[in-house]
């Protein structure tokens, strides 16, 4: 099931921050955006908010009150950065949309930590593979039970879900999902193998495994500059497995799905959950967003995993959002996640990657330096919000 919310409201405009900036186009004065001299500028963001409960319904209950410290910190960050469109990763999905509704009403539509309310009249969420029982022994432990045997690792359906919030209308009827797409249907898929080269899973199990650990969504959004396709995903971390590297290989191929989706000569095998075949039309404007769990240089991902997108001819990866807080934490200004304890350390794993017909006009990672406003808020998640201001290049 999925929910799409459309509530006519008055959007409150307020100061837009470049906290933690260190980027071209990010004004030194908190609140400014680049001049819209060539058309409207929209701010697109991604944020892994770590709002995944250990038990089903946990966040529905936590968001029933208006003083949850974690939710207040996440809400304060969104009020500070004020994206027009944002993907929230690790936001537990419930079919009725109760958590999303409560979060917007109790934590975004009222001021938090000195911020100004922000309201999103449009929201999109749908079922994910995490926590959905497969009925198969996917992790090879000899049992058909537990989070490792769900289609995507999870303790209950909807855990680690995704939520899109938007100031602009979402074409809900045109959303494409690839949640059910079988991994084995990808030509040249990186099938997990044992140390001796034998298949990790039987042919029957391998043929059933879904590629997407959560889901892959193409969400068309009617922005003031035209329709922009938000390509949202959250590939599995390349860890927590064995020598077969099933999570690392899956991470690589989850990223590859979008690379192929953008390549007319390679997208013909892709079939979405409604049976529609093929990829994104040439010339369509898009932004790839999400926690991709792959760093260009460090970490445990398969070599070249994220390069499939960073080097794609339709993607403009010329701007890498940065922050002063990342410099203070690890020295690398482009890091977006604090994995310092335990290893692997701080990494760049969260991305906002526009198509080449969208012009980057500013970007940043909300990671204030110690002592700056919001430095304590970011402790709510081990990821940081990443944003980019975009303008049509046409």
Protein backbone atom coordinates (compact mmCIF):
# COMPACT_ATOMS: atom_id res chain seq x y z
CA UNK A 1 0.00 0.00 0.00
CA UNK A 2 1.01 3.62 -0.43
CA UNK A 3 -0.24 7.00 0.60
CA UNK A 4 -0.12 10.30 -1.18
CA UNK A 5 -0.99 13.41 0.76
CA UNK A 6 -2.23 16.60 -0.83
CA UNK A 7 -3.22 19.32 1.61
CA UNK A 8 -3.62 22.92 0.36
CA UNK A 9 -1.74 25.15 2.74
CA UNK A 10 0.05 28.45 2.95
CA UNK A 11 3.79 27.86 2.89
CA UNK A 12 5.80 29.99 5.27
CA UNK A 13 8.88 31.47 3.60
CA UNK A 14 11.79 32.29 5.84
CA UNK A 15 15.54 32.57 6.08
CA UNK A 16 17.38 29.76 4.30
CA UNK A 17 20.61 28.70 5.90
CA UNK A 18 23.97 27.78 4.43
CA UNK A 19 25.21 26.45 7.77
CA UNK A 20 28.27 24.30 7.24
CA UNK A 21 28.57 25.60 3.68
CA UNK A 22 32.08 25.90 2.23
CA UNK A 23 30.55 25.81 -1.23
CA UNK A 24 30.27 28.10 -4.22
CA UNK A 25 26.89 29.77 -4.46
CA UNK A 26 26.22 29.48 -0.73
CA UNK A 27 25.93 33.01 0.59
CA UNK A 28 27.72 34.02 3.75
CA UNK A 29 24.44 35.50 4.91
CA UNK A 30 22.17 32.78 6.28
CA UNK A 31 18.91 32.81 4.46
CA UNK A 32 19.83 33.79 0.92
CA UNK A 33 19.38 31.78 -2.26
CA UNK A 34 20.97 32.50 -5.64
CA UNK A 35 19.08 34.99 -7.79
CA UNK A 36 16.56 33.38 -10.09
CA UNK A 37 17.82 35.35 -13.09
CA UNK A 38 17.36 32.41 -15.46
CA UNK A 39 14.29 30.81 -13.91
CA UNK A 40 13.13 29.38 -10.60
CA UNK A 41 15.63 27.86 -8.20
CA UNK A 42 14.56 24.81 -6.20
CA UNK A 43 16.33 23.28 -3.25
CA UNK A 44 16.48 19.46 -3.25
CA UNK A 45 17.79 17.48 -0.30
CA UNK A 46 18.33 14.00 1.04
CA UNK A 47 18.51 13.08 4.71
CA UNK A 48 18.85 9.72 6.46
CA UNK A 49 16.97 10.64 9.63
CA UNK A 50 17.53 7.40 11.61
CA UNK A 51 13.83 7.20 12.48
CA UNK A 52 13.67 3.42 12.24
CA UNK A 53 12.28 1.76 15.35
CA UNK A 54 13.23 -1.60 16.76
CA UNK A 55 9.55 -2.53 17.03
CA UNK A 56 6.65 -2.01 14.65
CA UNK A 57 4.68 1.09 15.52
CA UNK A 58 7.41 2.61 17.69
CA UNK A 59 7.59 5.82 15.69
CA UNK A 60 3.83 6.09 15.36
CA UNK A 61 3.75 6.26 19.15
CA UNK A 62 6.78 8.52 19.55
CA UNK A 63 5.37 11.05 17.09
CA UNK A 64 2.02 11.16 18.89
CA UNK A 65 3.61 13.67 21.27
CA UNK A 66 5.35 16.89 20.32
CA UNK A 67 8.50 16.69 22.44
CA UNK A 68 10.47 13.69 21.16
CA UNK A 69 14.11 14.95 21.24
CA UNK A 70 15.16 12.99 18.15
CA UNK A 71 12.24 14.19 16.03
CA UNK A 72 12.73 17.75 17.29
CA UNK A 73 16.36 17.73 16.16
CA UNK A 74 15.47 16.35 12.73
CA UNK A 75 12.65 18.88 12.38
CA UNK A 76 14.92 21.75 13.42
CA UNK A 77 17.44 20.81 10.72
CA UNK A 78 14.73 20.74 8.05
CA UNK A 79 13.44 24.11 9.25
CA UNK A 80 16.96 25.52 9.07
CA UNK A 81 17.83 24.26 5.57
CA UNK A 82 14.26 24.50 4.21
CA UNK A 83 14.43 22.23 1.17
CA UNK A 84 11.60 22.43 -1.35
CA UNK A 85 11.82 18.69 -1.96
CA UNK A 86 13.44 16.20 0.39
CA UNK A 87 13.84 12.43 0.58
CA UNK A 88 13.91 11.05 4.10
CA UNK A 89 15.65 7.67 4.39
CA UNK A 90 15.13 5.40 7.41
CA UNK A 91 11.68 6.80 8.13
CA UNK A 92 9.51 3.82 9.07
CA UNK A 93 6.62 3.33 6.64
CA UNK A 94 3.11 2.59 7.80
CA UNK A 95 0.37 2.12 5.19
CA UNK A 96 -1.93 4.74 6.70
CA UNK A 97 0.80 7.38 6.78
CA UNK A 98 0.33 8.13 10.46
CA UNK A 99 4.02 8.72 11.20
CA UNK A 100 4.45 11.03 8.21
CA UNK A 101 1.34 13.00 9.09
CA UNK A 102 2.31 13.37 12.74
CA UNK A 103 5.86 14.37 11.87
CA UNK A 104 4.68 17.10 9.54
CA UNK A 105 2.01 18.38 11.92
CA UNK A 106 3.90 18.18 15.22
CA UNK A 107 7.52 18.70 14.20
CA UNK A 108 7.60 20.72 10.99
CA UNK A 109 4.52 22.94 11.16
CA UNK A 110 5.51 24.47 14.51
CA UNK A 111 8.75 26.28 15.40
CA UNK A 112 11.58 24.19 16.82
CA UNK A 113 14.79 25.42 18.45
CA UNK A 114 14.27 28.97 17.22
CA UNK A 115 13.35 27.99 13.67
CA UNK A 116 10.34 28.89 11.61
CA UNK A 117 7.67 26.37 10.65
CA UNK A 118 7.88 24.69 7.28
CA UNK A 119 4.97 22.93 5.66
CA UNK A 120 4.91 20.37 2.85
CA UNK A 121 1.53 20.06 1.16
CA UNK A 122 2.59 16.93 -0.73
CA UNK A 123 4.04 13.67 0.55
CA UNK A 124 4.71 10.29 -0.99
CA UNK A 125 5.51 6.97 0.64
CA UNK A 126 4.94 3.35 -0.28
CA UNK A 127 5.80 -0.17 0.84
CA UNK A 128 9.44 -1.22 0.97
CA UNK A 129 11.13 -4.62 0.95
CA UNK A 130 12.66 -4.27 4.40
CA UNK A 131 11.03 -6.58 6.90
CA UNK A 132 8.78 -8.25 4.32
CA UNK A 133 9.13 -12.04 4.93
CA UNK A 134 10.39 -13.92 1.89
CA UNK A 135 9.64 -17.45 3.09
CA UNK A 136 13.13 -18.38 1.93
CA UNK A 137 16.55 -18.81 3.53
CA UNK A 138 18.17 -15.77 1.99
CA UNK A 139 21.08 -15.38 4.42
CA UNK A 140 22.17 -19.03 4.33
CA UNK A 141 21.85 -19.71 8.05
CA UNK A 142 19.69 -22.78 7.55
CA UNK A 143 16.52 -21.13 8.92
CA UNK A 144 13.62 -19.34 7.29
CA UNK A 145 13.07 -16.64 9.86
CA UNK A 146 14.46 -13.38 11.14
CA UNK A 147 15.41 -10.06 9.57
CA UNK A 148 18.04 -11.64 7.30
CA UNK A 149 15.37 -13.63 5.47
CA UNK A 150 13.17 -10.64 4.66
CA UNK A 151 13.33 -9.35 1.08
CA UNK A 152 15.31 -6.49 2.59
CA UNK A 153 16.93 -6.75 6.02
CA UNK A 154 14.40 -5.68 8.62
CA UNK A 155 12.52 -6.78 11.71
CA UNK A 156 9.06 -5.74 10.49
CA UNK A 157 7.46 -4.52 7.25
CA UNK A 158 8.20 -0.87 6.64
CA UNK A 159 11.31 -0.62 8.81
CA UNK A 160 13.94 1.67 7.24
CA UNK A 161 11.29 3.08 4.88
CA UNK A 162 11.40 6.17 2.67
CA UNK A 163 9.34 9.36 2.62
CA UNK A 164 9.30 12.16 0.03
CA UNK A 165 8.12 15.60 1.17
CA UNK A 166 7.49 18.32 -1.39
CA UNK A 167 6.22 21.88 -1.68
CA UNK A 168 5.26 21.08 -5.25
CA UNK A 169 2.64 18.68 -6.65
CA UNK A 170 3.66 15.04 -7.00
CA UNK A 171 2.35 13.12 -10.02
CA UNK A 172 1.40 10.15 -7.90
CA UNK A 173 -0.25 8.22 -10.71
CA UNK A 174 2.99 8.37 -12.73
CA UNK A 175 5.37 7.18 -9.98
CA UNK A 176 7.38 4.14 -11.07
CA UNK A 177 8.52 1.61 -8.46
CA UNK A 178 11.03 -1.22 -8.85
CA UNK A 179 10.51 -2.87 -5.47
CA UNK A 180 9.62 -6.28 -6.95
CA UNK A 181 12.29 -6.39 -9.66
CA UNK A 182 14.27 -9.67 -9.38
CA UNK A 183 18.01 -9.29 -9.02
CA UNK A 184 18.64 -12.22 -11.37
CA UNK A 185 16.85 -10.34 -14.20
CA UNK A 186 19.71 -7.80 -14.37
CA UNK A 187 22.11 -8.85 -17.15
CA UNK A 188 25.53 -9.58 -15.65
CA UNK A 189 24.24 -9.29 -12.08
CA UNK A 190 26.88 -9.75 -9.39
CA UNK A 191 25.48 -12.99 -8.02
CA UNK A 192 26.96 -13.81 -4.60
CA UNK A 193 29.34 -16.78 -4.63
CA UNK A 194 31.15 -18.77 -1.95
CA UNK A 195 34.91 -18.72 -1.54
CA UNK A 196 35.21 -21.72 -3.85
CA UNK A 197 33.22 -19.99 -6.57
CA UNK A 198 30.02 -21.96 -6.10
CA UNK A 199 26.72 -20.04 -5.87
CA UNK A 200 25.89 -18.82 -2.38
CA UNK A 201 22.17 -19.43 -2.95
CA UNK A 202 20.40 -22.15 -4.89
CA UNK A 203 19.10 -21.28 -8.34
CA UNK A 204 15.54 -21.27 -6.99
CA UNK A 205 16.39 -18.79 -4.22
CA UNK A 206 18.56 -16.66 -6.50
CA UNK A 207 15.73 -16.41 -9.01
CA UNK A 208 13.38 -15.07 -6.35
CA UNK A 209 15.64 -12.51 -4.61
CA UNK A 210 14.56 -8.92 -5.15
CA UNK A 211 17.27 -6.46 -6.14
CA UNK A 212 16.08 -3.45 -4.16
CA UNK A 213 16.69 -3.73 -0.43
CA UNK A 214 14.05 -1.02 0.18
CA UNK A 215 12.69 0.23 -3.14
CA UNK A 216 13.62 2.34 -6.15
CA UNK A 217 11.18 5.16 -6.93
CA UNK A 218 10.93 7.50 -9.90
CA UNK A 219 8.75 10.29 -8.48
CA UNK A 220 7.77 13.02 -11.00
CA UNK A 221 7.36 16.40 -9.32
CA UNK A 222 5.79 19.48 -10.92
CA UNK A 223 8.32 22.17 -9.99
CA UNK A 224 8.03 25.81 -11.12
CA UNK A 225 10.75 25.06 -13.69
CA UNK A 226 9.05 21.96 -15.10
CA UNK A 227 8.70 18.31 -14.18
CA UNK A 228 11.70 16.87 -12.33
CA UNK A 229 12.00 13.14 -11.70
CA UNK A 230 13.19 12.41 -8.17
CA UNK A 231 15.07 9.11 -8.37
CA UNK A 232 15.00 7.88 -4.78
CA UNK A 233 16.65 4.80 -3.27
CA UNK A 234 18.57 3.51 -0.25
CA UNK A 235 20.85 0.62 -1.25
CA UNK A 236 21.91 -1.85 1.43
CA UNK A 237 25.18 -1.22 3.31
CA UNK A 238 28.06 -3.25 1.82
CA UNK A 239 28.67 -4.98 5.15
CA UNK A 240 27.17 -7.40 7.67
CA UNK A 241 27.69 -10.47 5.46
CA UNK A 242 30.40 -13.05 4.80
CA UNK A 243 32.98 -13.85 2.14
CA UNK A 244 30.19 -14.14 -0.42
CA UNK A 245 29.82 -10.33 -0.14
CA UNK A 246 26.12 -10.54 -0.91
CA UNK A 247 25.45 -7.10 0.56
CA UNK A 248 28.40 -5.48 -1.20
CA UNK A 249 27.34 -6.99 -4.52
CA UNK A 250 23.73 -6.04 -3.97
CA UNK A 251 24.73 -2.47 -3.12
CA UNK A 252 26.66 -2.25 -6.40
CA UNK A 253 23.76 -3.54 -8.46
CA UNK A 254 21.18 -1.41 -6.64
CA UNK A 255 23.24 1.62 -7.70
CA UNK A 256 23.60 0.14 -11.18
CA UNK A 257 19.80 0.03 -11.55
CA UNK A 258 19.69 3.83 -11.76
CA UNK A 259 22.72 3.93 -14.06
CA UNK A 260 20.96 1.55 -16.45
CA UNK A 261 17.64 3.37 -16.02
CA UNK A 262 19.32 6.48 -17.42
CA UNK A 263 20.95 4.61 -20.34
CA UNK A 264 18.63 3.98 -23.32
CA UNK A 265 20.87 1.23 -24.64
CA UNK A 266 20.88 -0.65 -21.34
CA UNK A 267 17.46 -0.04 -19.78
CA UNK A 268 15.33 -2.39 -21.89
CA UNK A 269 15.43 -5.19 -19.32
CA UNK A 270 13.99 -3.04 -16.53
CA UNK A 271 10.34 -3.73 -15.75
CA UNK A 272 8.64 -1.71 -13.03
CA UNK A 273 6.03 -3.02 -10.61
CA UNK A 274 3.18 -2.23 -13.00
CA UNK A 275 4.81 -4.12 -15.88
CA UNK A 276 6.08 -1.08 -17.76
CA UNK A 277 9.42 -1.70 -19.46
CA UNK A 278 12.39 0.64 -20.01
CA UNK A 279 14.08 3.62 -18.45
CA UNK A 280 13.80 7.38 -18.19
CA UNK A 281 13.16 9.28 -21.40
CA UNK A 282 16.10 11.15 -22.89
CA UNK A 283 15.97 14.84 -22.04
CA UNK A 284 13.95 14.35 -18.87
CA UNK A 285 15.19 16.35 -15.90
CA UNK A 286 16.01 14.30 -12.81
CA UNK A 287 17.76 14.34 -9.45
CA UNK A 288 19.19 11.17 -7.90
CA UNK A 289 18.82 11.32 -4.13
CA UNK A 290 19.41 9.02 -1.20
CA UNK A 291 21.78 7.25 1.12
CA UNK A 292 23.71 5.05 -1.31
CA UNK A 293 26.09 3.55 1.24
CA UNK A 294 29.02 3.93 -1.14
CA UNK A 295 31.95 6.34 -0.92
CA UNK A 296 33.96 7.23 -4.06
CA UNK A 297 37.24 6.27 -2.39
CA UNK A 298 36.76 4.70 1.05
CA UNK A 299 34.58 2.16 2.80
CA UNK A 300 33.67 -1.39 1.90
CA UNK A 301 31.64 -0.98 -1.28
CA UNK A 302 32.54 -2.84 -4.46
CA UNK A 303 35.12 -0.87 -6.44
CA UNK A 304 33.45 1.62 -8.74
CA UNK A 305 29.98 1.21 -7.23
CA UNK A 306 29.09 4.89 -6.87
CA UNK A 307 31.20 5.83 -9.92
CA UNK A 308 28.41 4.26 -11.98
CA UNK A 309 26.43 7.41 -11.18
CA UNK A 310 29.18 9.99 -10.65
CA UNK A 311 30.64 9.25 -14.10
CA UNK A 312 27.34 8.75 -15.91
CA UNK A 313 27.07 10.98 -19.00
CA UNK A 314 23.58 12.22 -18.02
CA UNK A 315 24.62 13.13 -14.45
CA UNK A 316 26.23 16.40 -13.41
CA UNK A 317 28.49 15.41 -10.52
CA UNK A 318 30.70 18.49 -10.83
CA UNK A 319 29.56 19.89 -7.47
CA UNK A 320 30.26 17.88 -4.31
CA UNK A 321 28.43 19.38 -1.31
CA UNK A 322 30.69 20.13 1.64
CA UNK A 323 30.70 21.39 5.22
CA UNK A 324 32.97 22.84 7.86
CA UNK A 325 31.74 20.27 10.35
CA UNK A 326 33.06 17.42 8.22
CA UNK A 327 36.46 19.11 8.11
CA UNK A 328 36.47 19.42 11.88
CA UNK A 329 35.41 15.79 12.30
CA UNK A 330 37.69 14.03 9.83
CA UNK A 331 39.40 16.48 7.54
CA UNK A 332 37.37 15.54 4.45
CA UNK A 333 34.88 18.33 3.73
CA UNK A 334 32.78 16.13 1.45
CA UNK A 335 31.90 13.49 4.05
CA UNK A 336 28.19 13.14 4.78
CA UNK A 337 28.08 10.50 7.51
CA UNK A 338 29.77 10.07 10.88
CA UNK A 339 30.70 6.40 11.20
CA UNK A 340 33.71 7.13 13.41
CA UNK A 341 32.63 4.71 16.14
CA UNK A 342 32.85 1.94 15.20
CA UNK A 343 34.71 1.77 11.87
CA UNK A 344 34.66 2.40 8.88
CA UNK A 345 35.02 6.09 9.78
CA UNK A 346 33.42 9.12 8.17
CA UNK A 347 32.32 8.70 4.56
CA UNK A 348 30.54 10.40 1.69
CA UNK A 349 27.50 8.19 1.13
CA UNK A 350 24.54 10.59 0.74
CA UNK A 351 24.00 12.17 -2.66
CA UNK A 352 22.05 14.79 -4.56
CA UNK A 353 23.02 14.27 -8.22
CA UNK A 354 21.19 16.34 -10.85
CA UNK A 355 20.82 15.77 -14.56
CA UNK A 356 22.91 17.89 -16.89
CA UNK A 357 19.89 19.97 -17.86
CA UNK A 358 19.69 21.26 -14.29
CA UNK A 359 22.26 23.83 -13.21
CA UNK A 360 23.70 23.61 -9.64
CA UNK A 361 23.52 27.06 -8.05
CA UNK A 362 24.59 26.21 -4.52
CA UNK A 363 24.96 23.23 -2.22
CA UNK A 364 25.92 22.14 1.23
CA UNK A 365 25.90 19.54 3.95
CA UNK A 366 24.24 20.50 7.23
CA UNK A 367 27.16 19.70 9.49
CA UNK A 368 27.97 22.71 11.69
CA UNK A 369 31.33 23.00 13.36
CA UNK A 370 31.42 22.49 17.13
CA UNK A 371 29.81 25.47 18.82
CA UNK A 372 27.79 26.56 15.78
CA UNK A 373 24.01 26.56 15.73
CA UNK A 374 22.76 23.03 15.19
CA UNK A 375 25.96 21.24 16.17
CA UNK A 376 24.03 19.31 18.79
CA UNK A 377 21.06 18.58 16.50
CA UNK A 378 23.12 16.48 14.10
CA UNK A 379 23.74 13.86 16.80
CA UNK A 380 20.22 12.59 16.14
CA UNK A 381 21.50 10.69 13.08
CA UNK A 382 24.82 9.33 11.90
CA UNK A 383 24.06 10.95 8.52
CA UNK A 384 23.87 14.62 7.61
CA UNK A 385 21.35 16.40 5.41
CA UNK A 386 22.74 17.11 1.93
CA UNK A 387 21.16 19.80 -0.24
CA UNK A 388 21.57 21.45 -3.63
CA UNK A 389 19.96 24.47 -5.27
CA UNK A 390 19.04 23.74 -8.89
CA UNK A 391 17.90 25.77 -11.86
CA UNK A 392 16.83 24.65 -15.31
CA UNK A 393 19.70 24.93 -17.79
CA UNK A 394 17.35 25.11 -20.78
